[in-house]
Amino acid sequence: MLKDKIVIVTGAAGGIGKAIATEAGRAGARLALVDVDAESLNESAATIRADGSEVLSLAVDITDRAVWQKSVDEIAEYFGGIDVMVNNAMWVKYEPMVEVNEDSYRRQMAVGLDAVYWGTQAVIPHMVERGTGSIVNMTSPASIHGIPNGSVYAAVKGAISALTRQCAVELGPKGIRVNAVAPGPIPTPGTRRVVDDKGWEKRLERSPLGRLSTPEGVARVVVFLASDAADCVNGDVMFADGGRSISAL
């Protein structure tokens, strides 16, 4: 599905990002993996290489616009272009709105929104040069439904959903498709740090399928949207949450 496509995945050191990179590699992609956590990123890259994929790993702080722009250009030079960008990286802290401080607010915005905007801007010329491209953003059911103590996260993901639709209209005429995936709750190492066992039980109770989403299941949706198999899909926000977002439970 992604044979010889050059694919960038941010937040690729673990969790959903690693799963996306693994699935894309198995689909034939040539991968540029980006994360600020150099040690975990190198471990993920080694695992994915061992699976037979070509991997370039970059330990990059994508909240630094100049560094992120330079890194995108370096990826394009290394591989000879860019076909797909998966904007997956996020940093989240759940807390009551009255307790949110400026540092927490700005970090969530910087990783979850600013880096997506500037990264998308950076890949556009490279995709235009090829006459085609696919961008997949990661949003959330929190973009349409309130969640406990998630005011900043919801604001970020609401903006990502809106940005996805805007970019689809603006970039479509240039041959670039832009879509988003909204995963359901997934107990990754990162989310387990901010959600306790009781919280996971509540999330499971609301799933019509009686199970939570998985990184691998979400990765398959992302790879589909990134690939030419979805060449008629543009501006869509695809929910990969097992129906939880529409459940009245």
Protein backbone atom coordinates (compact mmCIF):
# COMPACT_ATOMS: atom_id res chain seq x y z
CA MET A 1 0.00 0.00 0.00
CA LEU A 2 2.94 2.34 0.64
CA LYS A 3 5.55 0.66 -1.54
CA ASP A 4 8.65 2.92 -1.67
CA LYS A 5 6.69 5.89 -0.30
CA ILE A 6 8.70 8.22 1.94
CA VAL A 7 6.79 8.56 5.20
CA ILE A 8 7.47 10.83 8.17
CA VAL A 9 6.00 9.80 11.52
CA THR A 10 6.29 12.11 14.52
CA GLY A 11 6.10 10.82 18.07
CA ALA A 12 7.48 7.54 16.75
CA ALA A 13 9.39 6.44 19.85
CA GLY A 14 6.50 4.39 21.22
CA GLY A 15 2.77 3.86 21.52
CA ILE A 16 0.63 4.72 18.52
CA GLY A 17 3.53 6.37 16.69
CA LYS A 18 5.68 3.26 16.81
CA ALA A 19 2.71 1.14 15.71
CA ILE A 20 2.08 3.46 12.74
CA ALA A 21 5.72 3.34 11.72
CA THR A 22 5.79 -0.45 12.02
CA GLU A 23 2.64 -0.86 9.92
CA ALA A 24 3.85 1.64 7.32
CA GLY A 25 7.16 -0.19 7.09
CA ARG A 26 5.40 -3.49 6.55
CA ALA A 27 3.41 -1.79 3.79
CA GLY A 28 6.69 -0.98 2.02
CA ALA A 29 7.36 2.58 3.18
CA ARG A 30 10.76 4.17 3.62
CA LEU A 31 10.56 5.77 7.04
CA ALA A 32 11.71 8.94 8.76
CA LEU A 33 10.96 8.56 12.47
CA VAL A 34 10.92 11.67 14.62
CA ASP A 35 10.75 12.03 18.39
CA VAL A 36 12.34 14.10 21.14
CA ASP A 37 13.15 10.96 23.17
CA ALA A 38 16.37 9.85 21.50
CA GLU A 39 16.88 6.65 23.50
CA SER A 40 13.39 5.27 22.96
CA LEU A 41 13.43 6.41 19.34
CA ASN A 42 16.63 4.50 18.64
CA GLU A 43 15.13 1.37 20.20
CA SER A 44 12.01 1.68 18.07
CA ALA A 45 14.05 2.34 14.94
CA ALA A 46 16.19 -0.72 15.58
CA THR A 47 13.10 -2.91 16.03
CA ILE A 48 11.51 -1.64 12.83
CA ARG A 49 14.77 -2.03 10.86
CA ALA A 50 14.98 -5.61 12.08
CA ASP A 51 11.57 -6.12 10.48
CA GLY A 52 13.15 -5.24 7.13
CA SER A 53 12.25 -1.54 6.79
CA GLU A 54 14.50 1.33 5.77
CA VAL A 55 14.58 3.80 8.65
CA LEU A 56 16.06 7.24 9.26
CA SER A 57 15.64 8.34 12.88
CA LEU A 58 15.86 11.95 14.01
CA ALA A 59 15.83 13.01 17.67
CA VAL A 60 14.22 16.42 17.17
CA ASP A 61 12.33 18.93 19.29
CA ILE A 62 9.53 19.67 16.85
CA THR A 63 8.33 22.59 18.98
CA ASP A 64 11.33 24.54 17.64
CA ARG A 65 10.05 25.78 14.30
CA ALA A 66 13.47 26.42 12.74
CA VAL A 67 14.82 23.02 13.79
CA TRP A 68 11.67 21.25 12.58
CA GLN A 69 11.79 23.02 9.21
CA LYS A 70 15.46 22.12 8.78
CA SER A 71 14.78 18.50 9.72
CA VAL A 72 11.98 18.17 7.15
CA ASP A 73 14.29 19.53 4.47
CA GLU A 74 17.03 17.11 5.53
CA ILE A 75 14.58 14.19 5.30
CA ALA A 76 13.59 15.25 1.79
CA GLU A 77 17.24 15.54 0.75
CA TYR A 78 18.14 12.16 2.28
CA PHE A 79 15.32 10.23 0.60
CA GLY A 80 14.86 12.39 -2.48
CA GLY A 81 11.43 13.68 -1.51
CA ILE A 82 8.49 13.28 0.88
CA ASP A 83 5.21 11.49 0.15
CA VAL A 84 3.46 11.20 3.51
CA MET A 85 3.46 13.12 6.78
CA VAL A 86 1.84 11.59 9.87
CA ASN A 87 1.46 14.22 12.59
CA ASN A 88 1.16 11.97 15.63
CA ALA A 89 3.22 13.57 18.40
CA MET A 90 1.36 14.88 21.45
CA TRP A 91 2.06 15.77 25.06
CA VAL A 92 -0.94 15.85 27.39
CA LYS A 93 -1.70 16.62 31.00
CA TYR A 94 -5.23 16.16 32.31
CA GLU A 95 -6.16 18.61 35.08
CA PRO A 96 -9.04 20.89 36.08
CA MET A 97 -9.09 24.06 34.01
CA VAL A 98 -8.60 26.23 37.10
CA GLU A 99 -5.32 24.41 37.80
CA VAL A 100 -3.80 24.67 34.32
CA ASN A 101 -0.63 26.75 34.40
CA GLU A 102 0.99 28.51 31.47
CA ASP A 103 3.82 26.00 31.05
CA SER A 104 1.43 23.04 30.81
CA TYR A 105 -0.87 24.94 28.43
CA ARG A 106 1.92 26.08 26.14
CA ARG A 107 3.65 22.71 25.99
CA GLN A 108 0.45 20.93 24.94
CA MET A 109 -0.23 23.59 22.32
CA ALA A 110 3.37 23.59 21.10
CA VAL A 111 3.58 19.82 20.56
CA GLY A 112 -0.03 19.14 19.60
CA LEU A 113 -0.84 22.12 17.37
CA ASP A 114 2.10 24.40 16.59
CA ALA A 115 4.37 21.56 15.48
CA VAL A 116 1.61 20.15 13.28
CA TYR A 117 1.08 23.52 11.62
CA TRP A 118 4.76 24.21 10.98
CA GLY A 119 5.52 20.62 9.98
CA THR A 120 2.68 20.68 7.48
CA GLN A 121 3.90 23.98 6.12
CA ALA A 122 7.39 22.52 5.77
CA VAL A 123 6.35 19.44 3.76
CA ILE A 124 4.09 21.29 1.31
CA PRO A 125 6.84 22.40 -1.13
CA HIS A 126 8.28 18.89 -1.20
CA MET A 127 4.89 17.32 -1.93
CA VAL A 128 4.06 19.97 -4.52
CA GLU A 129 7.33 19.14 -6.26
CA ARG A 130 6.19 15.52 -6.56
CA GLY A 131 2.68 16.54 -7.60
CA THR A 132 1.09 14.46 -4.87
CA GLY A 133 1.12 13.85 -1.13
CA SER A 134 -0.84 12.66 1.87
CA ILE A 135 -0.97 14.16 5.36
CA VAL A 136 -2.61 12.32 8.24
CA ASN A 137 -3.20 14.14 11.51
CA MET A 138 -4.12 12.57 14.83
CA THR A 139 -7.16 14.09 16.49
CA SER A 140 -9.51 12.71 19.17
CA PRO A 141 -13.16 12.19 20.12
CA ALA A 142 -12.37 14.94 22.64
CA SER A 143 -12.61 17.31 19.68
CA ILE A 144 -16.40 16.87 19.72
CA HIS A 145 -17.19 15.53 23.20
CA GLY A 146 -16.15 17.00 26.53
CA ILE A 147 -13.91 14.83 28.71
CA PRO A 148 -12.98 15.21 32.39
CA ASN A 149 -10.11 17.64 32.98
CA GLY A 150 -9.17 17.80 29.31
CA SER A 151 -9.75 21.45 28.40
CA VAL A 152 -6.36 22.03 26.75
CA TYR A 153 -6.28 18.62 25.07
CA ALA A 154 -9.78 19.17 23.67
CA ALA A 155 -8.80 22.61 22.42
CA VAL A 156 -5.74 21.19 20.66
CA LYS A 157 -7.63 18.32 19.03
CA GLY A 158 -10.55 20.55 18.03
CA ALA A 159 -8.06 22.79 16.28
CA ILE A 160 -6.44 19.81 14.57
CA SER A 161 -9.79 18.63 13.19
CA ALA A 162 -10.52 22.13 11.88
CA LEU A 163 -7.02 22.49 10.45
CA THR A 164 -7.39 19.13 8.70
CA ARG A 165 -10.52 20.25 6.87
CA GLN A 166 -9.02 23.63 5.99
CA CYS A 167 -5.82 22.09 4.64
CA ALA A 168 -7.82 19.55 2.63
CA VAL A 169 -9.54 22.40 0.79
CA GLU A 170 -6.41 24.51 0.42
CA LEU A 171 -3.99 21.76 -0.54
CA GLY A 172 -6.29 19.49 -2.53
CA PRO A 173 -5.77 21.44 -5.77
CA LYS A 174 -2.03 20.88 -5.31
CA GLY A 175 -2.56 17.10 -5.24
CA ILE A 176 -2.17 16.81 -1.47
CA ARG A 177 -4.81 14.96 0.54
CA VAL A 178 -5.25 15.78 4.23
CA ASN A 179 -7.18 13.58 6.64
CA ALA A 180 -7.28 12.82 10.35
CA VAL A 181 -7.81 9.83 12.61
CA ALA A 182 -9.54 10.04 16.00
CA PRO A 183 -8.52 6.99 18.04
CA GLY A 184 -10.51 5.80 21.01
CA PRO A 185 -8.87 5.41 24.42
CA ILE A 186 -5.73 3.28 24.21
CA PRO A 187 -3.75 2.17 27.27
CA THR A 188 -0.27 3.06 26.03
CA PRO A 189 2.63 3.80 28.41
CA GLY A 190 1.97 7.51 27.91
CA THR A 191 -1.77 7.41 28.61
CA ARG A 192 -1.33 5.08 31.58
CA ARG A 193 0.62 7.86 33.25
CA VAL A 194 -2.43 10.14 33.17
CA VAL A 195 -5.37 7.69 33.47
CA ASP A 196 -5.78 5.32 36.43
CA ASP A 197 -7.30 1.81 36.43
CA LYS A 198 -10.75 3.15 37.34
CA GLY A 199 -10.57 5.53 34.41
CA TRP A 200 -9.80 2.68 32.01
CA GLU A 201 -12.72 0.66 33.39
CA LYS A 202 -15.08 3.56 32.66
CA ARG A 203 -13.74 3.89 29.14
CA LEU A 204 -14.21 0.19 28.52
CA GLU A 205 -17.81 0.33 29.76
CA ARG A 206 -18.64 2.93 27.09
CA SER A 207 -17.35 0.86 24.19
CA PRO A 208 -20.10 -0.74 22.06
CA LEU A 209 -17.56 -3.36 20.97
CA GLY A 210 -16.71 -4.18 24.57
CA ARG A 211 -13.02 -3.48 23.99
CA LEU A 212 -10.66 -0.54 23.68
CA SER A 213 -8.83 0.57 20.57
CA THR A 214 -5.30 -0.72 19.99
CA PRO A 215 -2.23 1.01 18.55
CA GLU A 216 -2.11 -1.63 15.80
CA GLY A 217 -5.75 -1.14 14.84
CA VAL A 218 -5.33 2.63 14.65
CA ALA A 219 -2.11 2.20 12.66
CA ARG A 220 -3.96 0.22 9.98
CA VAL A 221 -6.46 3.08 9.58
CA VAL A 222 -3.63 5.63 9.31
CA VAL A 223 -1.80 3.58 6.68
CA PHE A 224 -5.00 3.23 4.66
CA LEU A 225 -5.60 6.98 4.67
CA ALA A 226 -1.96 7.65 3.81
CA SER A 227 -2.00 5.26 0.87
CA ASP A 228 -3.32 5.50 -2.67
CA ALA A 229 -6.09 3.08 -1.63
CA ALA A 230 -7.73 6.19 -0.11
CA ASP A 231 -7.12 8.44 -3.12
CA CYS A 232 -10.72 9.71 -3.04
CA VAL A 233 -10.66 10.50 0.69
CA ASN A 234 -9.85 14.10 1.59
CA GLY A 235 -10.82 16.24 4.56
CA ASP A 236 -12.21 13.31 6.51
CA VAL A 237 -11.92 12.80 10.26
CA MET A 238 -12.13 9.04 10.70
CA PHE A 239 -13.08 7.77 14.14
CA ALA A 240 -11.21 4.60 15.14
CA ASP A 241 -12.87 4.26 18.54
CA GLY A 242 -15.16 1.27 18.12
CA GLY A 243 -18.24 3.50 18.15
CA ARG A 244 -17.55 4.93 21.60
CA SER A 245 -17.98 8.51 20.40
CA ILE A 246 -21.58 7.83 19.26
CA SER A 247 -22.59 5.59 22.14
CA ALA A 248 -25.24 6.73 24.60
CA LEU A 249 -23.90 4.33 27.25
